[in-house]
Amino acid sequence: MKRRTWLLIGSLIGFAVFSGCQGRPEQYDLAIVNGRIIDGSGNPWFRADLGIRNQKIVAIKNKIPVEQAKRVIDASGLIVAPGFIDIHTHADEDVVRIPGCENYLSQGVTTLIGGNCGGHEFPLTKLFDEIKKTGIACNFASLAGHNTIRRQVMGMKMGEPDAEEMARMKDLLRQEMAAGAIGLSTGLAYLPGTYSKTEELVELASVVAETGGFYASHIRNQGKNITVAIEEAIKIGEENHLPVEISHIKLADEDVWNQLELIIRPVEAARARGVEVTLDQYPYTATSSGFASSFPQDVFEGGHEKFLERLKDPEIYNRVKQTIIANRLTSRRGIDKLEAILIARCQKFPEYEGKNLKEILAMQGRTASAEAGADLIIELVKEGDASAIFFQMDEKDVEALMKLPYVMIGSDGGLEKVGVGHPHPRSYGTFTRVLGEYVRERQLLSLEEAIRKMTSLPAQTLRLVDRGLIKTGFFADVVIFNPEEVKDLATFTHPHQYSRGIISVIVNGQEVLADGQFTNRRPGQILYGQGYRPD
């Protein structure tokens, strides 16, 4: 009898405690109320409030009373979306020096992927340790770059790797995958990646298949041979059962403008047979890189000193010059290529930054011609190269590619300090340009589809299982923006300009941009790949 009495009393106490907990208001670190949510899936927007606690989204409700949150953001008239994921950046080059990531936060970007185009900061353990010390405003992940690994083992050797060299490259890639790399990238138009053959890349990529990840490629050719280049990338992934991500897709040769089938045919054929192929794109008609890829690549074998020595031979110099004229300074459409190439950064001659080749030749008192332009380019590379902006795409192709469902948005930009150099405006305006120009003004995409290309599609490619959507249990990476005002302001003439219309940016539950102002918080996390081994 006594036992039954105590059981009854215990049950009543438990019920009272449970009822009391149920009646107590749930507390949130942050609530976002009255906004229109676009969840990143591509579905239409809906109205709801978000509750955020301990870095994550814990509630999506019709109404969250303001007294239940420590801080409330009223998003009336605004869009609430997942933070944008930039799958293609070169942020790893400056992430320790510019940890505030301001030029990306002003676009609504919350996650940066580095290590693209075959190059990464080596070794990754050192980079990640430095990031942990400084902190970072955005989340960050990195690919391991084939060019970096090949250079570590083979230097600027032009030949194929022997068995020992291949084994060492594979060991280094395993090391970087264990350090947290999310996959392998190649830059096959850049040194020394251009020296590699497909078989080398197939074998090296097998290391990624051991632990999981994906293969990203700046392919060998973005002009007349783009189909062959795409098929090579697909082969490397397909033989290793890896997803394939083709970087900054474009038709970058006026001879193939408007021939989208050169891209669509091989990609959709591969997808039809079960190969996961995706592409990324920036919304501009100009590229940006160094000049070395315009040279015959054999002249660089052995390094810079060997290159300088070779140029003393008149025959070699003339061969280099004619190659540059053919690759960079010839137009069958009457385009003035000297005006279409703009110097972005030049350490040796900073006075050239922001000027095109014709303007620089005028500064030097030289007549503007293809021959003089080629001589100028050779001089720049002899002095350590320069970063340039090349206007070489057609706007119709940019629009057509953007509409493809498997194309996501990526800037191909880097972290920038305001006023330093003359960078491509994509580093400041890629995502806001899509939202303002291509969604609102041109109505090329719906707002929901554009946001899917910036959030869940890259998250899916990266296998980020808890980011890229507005969903309970997901990390609270959130952007709040005004759909009527969002706009890129950076231009090729004045690139150092933050975007307009991004109101708030939240990374892992903390505001890094509040009411349009940077908060200087650094809540970003390193996002490790599937092969990560912390020991």
Protein backbone atom coordinates (compact mmCIF):
# COMPACT_ATOMS: atom_id res chain seq x y z
CA MET A 1 0.00 0.00 0.00
CA LYS A 2 2.78 2.40 0.98
CA ARG A 3 4.63 1.56 -2.23
CA ARG A 4 1.58 2.38 -4.37
CA THR A 5 1.11 5.65 -2.48
CA TRP A 6 4.70 6.72 -3.13
CA LEU A 7 4.37 5.79 -6.81
CA LEU A 8 1.28 7.97 -7.09
CA ILE A 9 2.97 10.89 -5.36
CA GLY A 10 6.03 10.50 -7.61
CA SER A 11 3.83 10.49 -10.70
CA LEU A 12 2.05 13.65 -9.59
CA ILE A 13 5.36 15.42 -8.92
CA GLY A 14 6.72 14.35 -12.32
CA PHE A 15 3.58 15.60 -14.08
CA ALA A 16 3.79 18.92 -12.22
CA VAL A 17 7.44 19.37 -13.23
CA PHE A 18 6.68 18.42 -16.87
CA SER A 19 3.71 20.81 -16.96
CA GLY A 20 5.79 23.60 -15.50
CA CYS A 21 8.48 23.09 -18.17
CA GLN A 22 5.88 23.08 -20.90
CA GLY A 23 4.39 26.33 -19.70
CA ARG A 24 7.72 28.17 -19.42
CA PRO A 25 8.47 30.35 -22.51
CA GLU A 26 11.18 28.86 -24.73
CA GLN A 27 14.22 31.13 -24.84
CA TYR A 28 16.14 31.98 -28.03
CA ASP A 29 19.44 33.76 -28.47
CA LEU A 30 17.98 35.42 -31.55
CA ALA A 31 14.59 35.56 -33.22
CA ILE A 32 13.96 36.76 -36.77
CA VAL A 33 10.34 37.77 -37.12
CA ASN A 34 7.89 38.96 -39.80
CA GLY A 35 10.09 37.99 -42.76
CA ARG A 36 9.43 36.07 -45.94
CA ILE A 37 11.49 32.89 -45.83
CA ILE A 38 13.08 31.43 -48.94
CA ASP A 39 14.47 28.20 -47.54
CA GLY A 40 17.02 27.40 -50.26
CA SER A 41 15.24 24.33 -51.64
CA GLY A 42 13.77 26.18 -54.63
CA ASN A 43 10.30 26.12 -53.08
CA PRO A 44 8.19 29.32 -53.01
CA TRP A 45 8.65 31.72 -50.12
CA PHE A 46 6.52 31.49 -46.99
CA ARG A 47 5.99 33.65 -43.90
CA ALA A 48 7.39 32.43 -40.60
CA ASP A 49 9.57 33.42 -37.66
CA LEU A 50 12.93 31.81 -36.90
CA GLY A 51 14.26 30.95 -33.46
CA ILE A 52 18.02 30.52 -33.10
CA ARG A 53 19.83 29.05 -30.10
CA ASN A 54 23.36 27.68 -29.60
CA GLN A 55 24.43 28.28 -33.23
CA LYS A 56 21.46 26.48 -34.76
CA ILE A 57 17.95 27.06 -36.05
CA VAL A 58 15.73 25.47 -33.41
CA ALA A 59 12.29 26.79 -34.39
CA ILE A 60 10.36 27.81 -37.50
CA LYS A 61 6.99 29.04 -36.29
CA ASN A 62 4.09 31.16 -37.41
CA LYS A 63 4.73 33.46 -34.46
CA ILE A 64 7.52 33.80 -31.89
CA PRO A 65 6.69 36.27 -29.08
CA VAL A 66 9.46 38.85 -28.84
CA GLU A 67 9.84 38.31 -25.10
CA GLN A 68 11.12 34.80 -25.79
CA ALA A 69 14.33 36.03 -27.45
CA LYS A 70 17.39 37.86 -26.16
CA ARG A 71 17.56 39.78 -29.44
CA VAL A 72 14.93 40.23 -32.12
CA ILE A 73 15.38 41.22 -35.77
CA ASP A 74 12.25 42.57 -37.41
CA ALA A 75 12.44 41.40 -41.04
CA SER A 76 9.21 43.03 -42.20
CA GLY A 77 9.37 43.54 -45.97
CA LEU A 78 12.61 41.55 -46.19
CA ILE A 79 13.73 38.14 -47.42
CA VAL A 80 15.22 35.66 -44.95
CA ALA A 81 17.39 33.04 -46.70
CA PRO A 82 20.24 30.63 -45.96
CA GLY A 83 23.64 32.30 -46.01
CA PHE A 84 25.21 32.09 -49.44
CA ILE A 85 27.90 29.46 -50.04
CA ASP A 86 30.64 30.51 -52.46
CA ILE A 87 31.93 27.23 -53.85
CA HIS A 88 34.73 28.85 -55.84
CA THR A 89 37.01 31.40 -54.17
CA HIS A 90 40.70 32.01 -53.64
CA ALA A 91 40.09 33.27 -50.12
CA ASP A 92 42.71 30.90 -48.69
CA GLU A 93 45.42 33.22 -49.99
CA ASP A 94 44.40 36.03 -47.59
CA VAL A 95 42.06 34.52 -45.01
CA VAL A 96 44.53 35.01 -42.15
CA ARG A 97 45.33 38.58 -43.22
CA ILE A 98 41.70 39.58 -43.83
CA PRO A 99 39.69 37.44 -41.37
CA GLY A 100 36.75 39.87 -41.33
CA CYS A 101 35.74 38.76 -44.87
CA GLU A 102 33.99 42.11 -45.35
CA ASN A 103 33.75 42.07 -49.15
CA TYR A 104 31.94 38.73 -48.93
CA LEU A 105 29.73 39.51 -45.95
CA SER A 106 28.40 42.55 -47.79
CA GLN A 107 27.14 40.12 -50.47
CA GLY A 108 25.46 37.79 -47.97
CA VAL A 109 28.11 35.06 -48.18
CA THR A 110 28.59 32.98 -45.02
CA THR A 111 30.81 30.14 -46.31
CA LEU A 112 33.93 30.38 -48.48
CA ILE A 113 35.55 27.47 -50.32
CA GLY A 114 39.24 27.89 -51.12
CA GLY A 115 41.91 25.73 -52.71
CA ASN A 116 40.45 26.07 -56.20
CA CYS A 117 42.14 26.01 -59.62
CA GLY A 118 44.77 23.54 -58.45
CA GLY A 119 46.33 25.73 -55.75
CA HIS A 120 46.01 25.68 -51.96
CA GLU A 121 47.91 26.94 -48.95
CA PHE A 122 50.26 24.09 -48.07
CA PRO A 123 50.14 22.40 -45.65
CA LEU A 124 46.49 22.75 -44.64
CA THR A 125 47.23 21.98 -40.99
CA LYS A 126 49.28 25.17 -40.78
CA LEU A 127 46.58 27.26 -42.46
CA PHE A 128 43.84 25.84 -40.25
CA ASP A 129 45.92 26.45 -37.10
CA GLU A 130 46.44 30.08 -38.11
CA ILE A 131 42.71 30.52 -38.78
CA LYS A 132 41.90 29.14 -35.34
CA LYS A 133 44.23 31.71 -33.77
CA THR A 134 42.87 34.73 -35.62
CA GLY A 135 39.25 33.65 -35.91
CA ILE A 136 37.22 34.23 -39.07
CA ALA A 137 33.90 35.89 -39.81
CA CYS A 138 32.79 33.34 -42.44
CA ASN A 139 32.94 29.57 -42.45
CA PHE A 140 35.83 28.20 -44.49
CA ALA A 141 36.72 24.96 -46.24
CA SER A 142 39.50 24.09 -48.66
CA LEU A 143 40.20 21.74 -51.51
CA ALA A 144 43.69 20.31 -51.98
CA GLY A 145 45.30 21.61 -55.16
CA HIS A 146 47.00 19.30 -57.67
CA ASN A 147 49.34 22.08 -58.85
CA THR A 148 50.52 22.65 -55.29
CA ILE A 149 51.11 18.95 -54.65
CA ARG A 150 52.85 18.40 -58.00
CA ARG A 151 55.12 21.37 -57.40
CA GLN A 152 56.07 20.02 -53.96
CA VAL A 153 57.18 16.72 -55.48
CA MET A 154 58.25 17.52 -59.05
CA GLY A 155 58.94 21.25 -59.10
CA MET A 156 58.48 22.58 -62.64
CA LYS A 157 59.30 19.28 -64.33
CA MET A 158 57.38 18.90 -67.57
CA GLY A 159 57.37 15.12 -67.86
CA GLU A 160 55.13 12.48 -66.35
CA PRO A 161 55.73 11.43 -62.75
CA ASP A 162 57.62 8.20 -62.22
CA ALA A 163 56.36 5.59 -59.76
CA GLU A 164 58.16 7.16 -56.80
CA GLU A 165 56.92 10.65 -57.61
CA MET A 166 53.35 9.44 -57.99
CA ALA A 167 53.55 7.64 -54.66
CA ARG A 168 54.83 10.81 -52.98
CA MET A 169 52.06 12.92 -54.54
CA LYS A 170 49.44 10.44 -53.35
CA ASP A 171 50.93 10.48 -49.85
CA LEU A 172 50.78 14.29 -49.77
CA LEU A 173 47.18 14.24 -50.94
CA ARG A 174 46.31 11.70 -48.23
CA GLN A 175 47.97 14.02 -45.73
CA GLU A 176 45.86 16.97 -46.91
CA MET A 177 42.65 14.92 -46.94
CA ALA A 178 43.36 13.82 -43.37
CA ALA A 179 43.96 17.46 -42.47
CA GLY A 180 40.43 18.24 -43.65
CA ALA A 181 40.50 18.93 -47.40
CA ILE A 182 37.09 18.48 -48.98
CA GLY A 183 38.40 17.18 -52.30
CA LEU A 184 40.92 17.66 -55.09
CA SER A 185 41.12 20.63 -57.45
CA THR A 186 43.07 21.03 -60.66
CA GLY A 187 44.13 24.07 -62.64
CA LEU A 188 44.95 22.54 -66.00
CA ALA A 189 45.53 25.85 -67.75
CA TYR A 190 48.12 26.83 -65.14
CA LEU A 191 51.64 25.72 -64.28
CA PRO A 192 52.56 23.01 -63.51
CA GLY A 193 49.11 21.42 -63.91
CA THR A 194 49.23 22.01 -67.64
CA TYR A 195 52.12 19.52 -67.80
CA SER A 196 50.00 16.66 -66.43
CA LYS A 197 48.18 14.01 -68.44
CA THR A 198 44.74 12.59 -67.75
CA GLU A 199 46.16 9.29 -66.44
CA GLU A 200 48.12 11.12 -63.74
CA LEU A 201 44.95 12.86 -62.55
CA VAL A 202 42.85 9.71 -62.60
CA GLU A 203 45.37 7.95 -60.38
CA LEU A 204 45.78 10.88 -58.01
CA ALA A 205 42.03 11.34 -57.65
CA SER A 206 41.76 7.74 -56.46
CA VAL A 207 43.05 8.99 -53.11
CA VAL A 208 39.95 11.19 -52.74
CA ALA A 209 37.77 8.17 -53.46
CA GLU A 210 39.28 6.42 -50.42
CA THR A 211 37.64 8.80 -47.96
CA GLY A 212 35.03 10.77 -49.91
CA GLY A 213 35.07 14.20 -51.47
CA PHE A 214 34.75 15.61 -54.96
CA TYR A 215 36.84 16.63 -57.95
CA ALA A 216 36.81 20.29 -59.01
CA SER A 217 38.56 21.41 -62.17
CA HIS A 218 39.63 24.55 -63.93
CA ILE A 219 39.60 22.64 -67.20
CA ARG A 220 42.33 22.80 -69.87
CA ASN A 221 40.37 24.78 -72.41
CA GLN A 222 37.38 27.12 -72.37
CA GLY A 223 37.31 27.77 -76.10
CA LYS A 224 37.33 25.58 -79.21
CA ASN A 225 38.37 22.47 -77.29
CA ILE A 226 36.03 22.95 -74.33
CA THR A 227 34.06 19.74 -75.01
CA VAL A 228 37.23 17.64 -74.86
CA ALA A 229 38.29 19.45 -71.69
CA ILE A 230 34.92 18.81 -70.02
CA GLU A 231 35.04 15.14 -71.02
CA GLU A 232 38.49 14.84 -69.43
CA ALA A 233 37.16 16.22 -66.13
CA ILE A 234 34.22 13.82 -66.27
CA LYS A 235 36.54 10.87 -66.97
CA ILE A 236 38.67 11.67 -63.91
CA GLY A 237 35.61 11.74 -61.67
CA GLU A 238 33.76 8.87 -63.30
CA GLU A 239 36.64 6.40 -63.07
CA ASN A 240 36.90 7.14 -59.34
CA HIS A 241 33.13 7.36 -58.67
CA LEU A 242 33.54 10.98 -57.58
CA PRO A 243 31.25 13.97 -58.11
CA VAL A 244 32.69 16.39 -60.68
CA GLU A 245 32.46 20.17 -60.28
CA ILE A 246 33.61 22.23 -63.27
CA SER A 247 34.86 25.65 -62.28
CA HIS A 248 33.72 29.05 -63.60
CA ILE A 249 32.11 27.64 -66.72
CA LYS A 250 32.24 29.92 -69.76
CA LEU A 251 32.82 30.15 -73.49
CA ALA A 252 35.94 32.29 -73.34
CA ASP A 253 36.78 32.44 -77.04
CA GLU A 254 34.83 34.59 -79.47
CA ASP A 255 35.04 31.79 -82.05
CA VAL A 256 32.66 29.65 -79.97
CA TRP A 257 30.35 32.28 -78.52
CA ASN A 258 26.70 31.14 -78.43
CA GLN A 259 27.62 27.49 -79.00
CA LEU A 260 26.22 26.25 -75.67
CA GLU A 261 25.91 22.71 -76.95
CA LEU A 262 29.69 22.39 -76.56
CA ILE A 263 29.06 22.48 -72.79
CA ILE A 264 25.56 21.07 -72.44
CA ARG A 265 26.07 17.95 -74.57
CA PRO A 266 28.94 16.33 -72.59
CA VAL A 267 27.55 17.40 -69.21
CA GLU A 268 24.04 16.11 -69.77
CA ALA A 269 25.30 12.90 -71.39
CA ALA A 270 27.35 12.22 -68.25
CA ARG A 271 24.47 13.06 -65.93
CA ALA A 272 22.19 10.76 -67.93
CA ARG A 273 24.51 7.81 -67.26
CA GLY A 274 24.72 8.60 -63.55
CA VAL A 275 27.77 10.85 -63.18
CA GLU A 276 27.15 13.73 -60.79
CA VAL A 277 28.38 16.77 -62.71
CA THR A 278 27.78 20.35 -61.61
CA LEU A 279 29.16 23.71 -62.78
CA ASP A 280 29.73 27.09 -61.18
CA GLN A 281 29.61 30.52 -62.80
CA TYR A 282 30.19 34.20 -62.07
CA PRO A 283 27.87 36.79 -63.69
CA TYR A 284 30.41 38.80 -65.70
CA THR A 285 31.85 38.81 -69.22
CA ALA A 286 35.46 39.18 -68.06
CA THR A 287 37.89 36.67 -66.56
CA SER A 288 40.87 37.41 -64.34
CA SER A 289 44.21 35.61 -64.11
CA GLY A 290 47.89 36.01 -64.82
CA PHE A 291 49.47 36.12 -68.27
CA ALA A 292 51.55 32.94 -68.05
CA SER A 293 48.77 30.73 -69.45
CA SER A 294 49.01 32.72 -72.71
CA PHE A 295 52.60 31.52 -73.29
CA PRO A 296 53.83 28.24 -74.77
CA GLN A 297 54.09 26.24 -71.56
CA ASP A 298 57.38 24.50 -72.30
CA VAL A 299 59.31 27.77 -71.86
CA PHE A 300 58.61 27.66 -68.10
CA GLU A 301 60.00 24.17 -67.50
CA GLY A 302 62.63 24.26 -64.77
CA GLY A 303 61.43 27.52 -63.23
CA HIS A 304 61.73 31.27 -63.69
CA GLU A 305 65.49 31.44 -64.19
CA LYS A 306 65.34 28.90 -66.99
CA PHE A 307 62.49 30.91 -68.53
CA LEU A 308 64.57 34.10 -68.50
CA GLU A 309 67.50 32.27 -70.01
CA ARG A 310 65.38 30.87 -72.85
CA LEU A 311 64.01 34.29 -73.75
CA LYS A 312 67.51 35.40 -74.70
CA ASP A 313 67.26 33.13 -77.74
CA PRO A 314 65.68 35.26 -80.53
CA GLU A 315 63.86 32.27 -82.02
CA ILE A 316 62.28 31.32 -78.71
CA TYR A 317 61.39 34.93 -77.97
CA ASN A 318 59.67 35.26 -81.35
CA ARG A 319 57.78 31.98 -80.81
CA VAL A 320 56.56 33.25 -77.42
CA LYS A 321 55.56 36.58 -78.93
CA GLN A 322 53.60 35.04 -81.79
CA THR A 323 51.82 32.68 -79.37
CA ILE A 324 50.73 35.62 -77.20
CA ILE A 325 49.50 37.54 -80.23
CA ALA A 326 47.48 34.52 -81.37
CA ASN A 327 46.13 33.63 -77.91
CA ARG A 328 45.48 37.06 -76.44
CA LEU A 329 45.72 39.88 -78.93
CA THR A 330 43.90 38.69 -82.05
CA SER A 331 40.18 39.21 -82.70
CA ARG A 332 38.12 38.08 -85.65
CA ARG A 333 35.24 40.27 -84.48
CA GLY A 334 37.17 43.52 -84.53
CA ILE A 335 37.56 43.76 -80.75
CA ASP A 336 40.49 45.92 -79.65
CA LYS A 337 42.25 43.44 -77.37
CA LEU A 338 44.66 46.08 -76.07
CA GLU A 339 41.66 47.88 -74.60
CA ALA A 340 40.04 44.63 -73.45
CA ILE A 341 42.89 43.68 -71.08
CA LEU A 342 43.08 45.59 -67.80
CA ILE A 343 45.85 45.24 -65.21
CA ALA A 344 44.40 44.29 -61.81
CA ARG A 345 47.57 43.87 -59.74
CA CYS A 346 51.22 44.38 -60.58
CA GLN A 347 53.71 44.36 -57.74
CA LYS A 348 56.61 45.56 -59.87
CA PHE A 349 54.64 48.35 -61.59
CA PRO A 350 51.72 49.40 -59.35
CA GLU A 351 51.19 52.46 -61.57
CA TYR A 352 49.77 50.09 -64.21
CA GLU A 353 46.90 48.92 -61.98
CA GLY A 354 43.50 49.92 -63.33
CA LYS A 355 44.89 50.70 -66.80
CA ASN A 356 44.49 48.72 -70.01
CA LEU A 357 47.39 47.69 -72.23
CA LYS A 358 46.77 50.52 -74.69
CA GLU A 359 46.94 53.10 -71.87
CA ILE A 360 50.16 51.57 -70.53
CA LEU A 361 51.78 51.63 -73.96
CA ALA A 362 50.82 55.31 -74.26
CA MET A 363 52.42 55.95 -70.84
CA GLN A 364 55.60 54.38 -72.20
CA GLY A 365 55.47 56.41 -75.40
CA ARG A 366 55.02 53.31 -77.54
CA THR A 367 52.69 52.85 -80.50
CA ALA A 368 49.68 50.67 -79.75
CA SER A 369 50.00 47.45 -81.74
CA ALA A 370 49.68 43.70 -81.15
CA GLU A 371 53.47 43.39 -81.39
CA ALA A 372 54.03 46.09 -78.76
CA GLY A 373 51.32 44.56 -76.57
CA ALA A 374 53.02 41.17 -76.73
CA ASP A 375 56.36 42.73 -75.81
CA LEU A 376 54.68 44.42 -72.82
CA ILE A 377 53.14 41.14 -71.64
CA ILE A 378 56.52 39.39 -71.90
CA GLU A 379 58.09 42.17 -69.84
CA LEU A 380 55.44 41.76 -67.14
CA VAL A 381 55.95 38.00 -66.89
CA LYS A 382 59.72 38.43 -66.82
CA GLU A 383 59.25 40.70 -63.79
CA GLY A 384 57.10 38.18 -61.94
CA ASP A 385 53.79 38.35 -63.86
CA ALA A 386 50.73 40.49 -63.18
CA SER A 387 47.07 39.78 -62.56
CA ALA A 388 44.83 41.03 -65.36
CA ILE A 389 41.18 41.27 -66.30
CA PHE A 390 40.31 39.92 -69.76
CA PHE A 391 37.01 40.81 -71.44
CA GLN A 392 36.36 37.71 -73.50
CA MET A 393 32.81 36.37 -73.02
CA ASP A 394 29.42 37.15 -74.53
CA GLU A 395 26.55 38.25 -72.28
CA LYS A 396 24.09 35.93 -74.04
CA ASP A 397 26.20 32.97 -72.95
CA VAL A 398 26.32 34.22 -69.35
CA GLU A 399 22.52 34.34 -69.30
CA ALA A 400 22.03 30.96 -70.99
CA LEU A 401 24.42 29.19 -68.62
CA MET A 402 22.82 30.75 -65.57
CA LYS A 403 19.47 29.18 -66.40
CA LEU A 404 20.83 25.61 -66.40
CA PRO A 405 19.60 23.81 -63.25
CA TYR A 406 22.98 22.27 -62.40
CA VAL A 407 24.88 25.60 -62.54
CA MET A 408 25.54 27.30 -59.20
CA ILE A 409 27.00 30.72 -58.40
CA GLY A 410 30.68 31.13 -57.47
CA SER A 411 32.73 34.31 -57.48
CA ASP A 412 36.25 33.07 -58.36
CA GLY A 413 37.25 36.08 -56.28
CA GLY A 414 39.33 36.67 -53.20
CA LEU A 415 39.34 38.56 -49.94
CA GLU A 416 40.05 42.23 -50.53
CA LYS A 417 41.20 45.28 -48.59
CA VAL A 418 39.40 48.41 -49.73
CA GLY A 419 41.67 50.50 -51.96
CA VAL A 420 44.38 47.87 -52.45
CA GLY A 421 44.94 46.95 -56.11
CA HIS A 422 42.30 47.00 -58.81
CA PRO A 423 40.51 43.64 -58.48
CA HIS A 424 37.77 42.13 -60.60
CA PRO A 425 34.41 43.40 -59.24
CA ARG A 426 33.28 39.80 -58.73
CA SER A 427 35.06 39.82 -55.36
CA TYR A 428 32.59 42.47 -54.17
CA GLY A 429 29.44 41.91 -56.19
CA THR A 430 28.88 38.40 -57.56
CA PHE A 431 25.90 37.34 -55.42
CA THR A 432 24.19 40.70 -55.19
CA ARG A 433 24.61 41.16 -58.94
CA VAL A 434 22.68 37.96 -59.57
CA LEU A 435 19.90 39.03 -57.18
CA GLY A 436 19.66 42.61 -58.44
CA GLU A 437 20.49 42.39 -62.12
CA TYR A 438 19.51 38.90 -63.24
CA VAL A 439 16.56 38.30 -60.89
CA ARG A 440 14.94 41.69 -60.29
CA GLU A 441 15.87 43.64 -63.40
CA ARG A 442 16.11 41.02 -66.16
CA GLN A 443 13.80 38.43 -64.53
CA LEU A 444 16.05 35.69 -65.89
CA LEU A 445 15.60 33.59 -62.74
CA SER A 446 13.04 33.50 -59.96
CA LEU A 447 14.32 34.64 -56.58
CA GLU A 448 13.80 31.13 -55.21
CA GLU A 449 15.83 29.52 -57.99
CA ALA A 450 18.67 32.03 -57.68
CA ILE A 451 18.91 31.39 -53.94
CA ARG A 452 18.90 27.61 -54.51
CA LYS A 453 21.94 28.09 -56.77
CA MET A 454 23.66 29.98 -53.93
CA THR A 455 22.73 27.72 -51.02
CA SER A 456 21.40 24.16 -51.19
CA LEU A 457 23.01 23.30 -54.54
CA PRO A 458 26.58 24.09 -53.40
CA ALA A 459 25.83 22.52 -49.99
CA GLN A 460 24.73 19.35 -51.78
CA THR A 461 27.89 19.31 -53.89
CA LEU A 462 30.05 19.84 -50.81
CA ARG A 463 28.08 17.27 -48.79
CA LEU A 464 27.31 19.84 -46.09
CA VAL A 465 24.51 17.97 -44.38
CA ASP A 466 23.55 20.75 -41.96
CA ARG A 467 23.95 23.96 -43.98
CA GLY A 468 22.41 25.50 -47.08
CA LEU A 469 18.76 25.39 -45.96
CA ILE A 470 16.51 27.17 -43.51
CA LYS A 471 15.62 24.08 -41.53
CA THR A 472 15.39 23.15 -37.85
CA GLY A 473 18.59 21.52 -36.65
CA PHE A 474 20.70 23.26 -39.30
CA PHE A 475 23.42 25.75 -38.44
CA ALA A 476 22.08 29.28 -38.33
CA ASP A 477 23.87 30.75 -41.36
CA VAL A 478 21.30 33.31 -42.48
CA VAL A 479 21.13 36.36 -44.73
CA ILE A 480 18.41 39.01 -44.56
CA PHE A 481 18.07 41.35 -47.53
CA ASN A 482 15.75 43.81 -49.22
CA PRO A 483 14.70 42.29 -52.57
CA GLU A 484 13.82 45.73 -53.97
CA GLU A 485 17.19 47.28 -53.14
CA VAL A 486 19.78 44.51 -53.26
CA LYS A 487 22.39 45.44 -55.85
CA ASP A 488 26.09 45.20 -56.65
CA LEU A 489 27.91 48.53 -56.77
CA ALA A 490 31.40 47.32 -57.71
CA THR A 491 32.37 48.06 -61.29
CA PHE A 492 35.43 47.39 -63.45
CA THR A 493 36.34 51.07 -63.11
CA HIS A 494 35.61 51.31 -59.37
CA PRO A 495 35.74 47.79 -57.95
CA HIS A 496 36.19 48.55 -54.23
CA GLN A 497 32.53 49.09 -53.39
CA TYR A 498 30.40 47.09 -50.98
CA SER A 499 26.98 45.92 -52.14
CA ARG A 500 23.67 47.50 -51.24
CA GLY A 501 20.56 45.90 -49.74
CA ILE A 502 22.09 43.21 -47.51
CA ILE A 503 20.68 44.08 -44.08
CA SER A 504 21.96 41.35 -41.75
CA VAL A 505 24.24 38.34 -42.04
CA ILE A 506 24.33 35.65 -39.36
CA VAL A 507 27.06 33.02 -39.12
CA ASN A 508 26.61 30.15 -36.70
CA GLY A 509 23.95 32.12 -34.85
CA GLN A 510 25.92 35.36 -34.46
CA GLU A 511 25.40 38.58 -36.37
CA VAL A 512 28.49 39.51 -38.38
CA LEU A 513 26.57 42.18 -40.30
CA ALA A 514 23.84 43.99 -38.35
CA ASP A 515 21.70 46.71 -39.91
CA GLY A 516 24.26 46.97 -42.70
CA GLN A 517 27.22 47.43 -40.33
CA PHE A 518 30.06 44.99 -39.67
CA THR A 519 30.12 43.78 -36.07
CA ASN A 520 33.73 42.50 -36.12
CA ARG A 521 32.63 39.17 -34.66
CA ARG A 522 34.42 36.04 -35.89
CA PRO A 523 32.14 33.06 -35.31
CA GLY A 524 33.09 31.23 -38.50
CA GLN A 525 34.12 27.60 -38.40
CA ILE A 526 36.51 25.45 -40.41
CA LEU A 527 34.42 22.91 -42.31
CA TYR A 528 36.38 19.69 -42.64
CA GLY A 529 36.06 17.05 -45.36
CA GLN A 530 34.93 13.48 -44.87
CA GLY A 531 38.50 12.22 -44.60
CA TYR A 532 39.36 14.50 -41.67
CA ARG A 533 41.48 12.82 -39.01
CA PRO A 534 42.13 15.23 -36.11
CA ASP A 535 45.03 13.13 -34.83
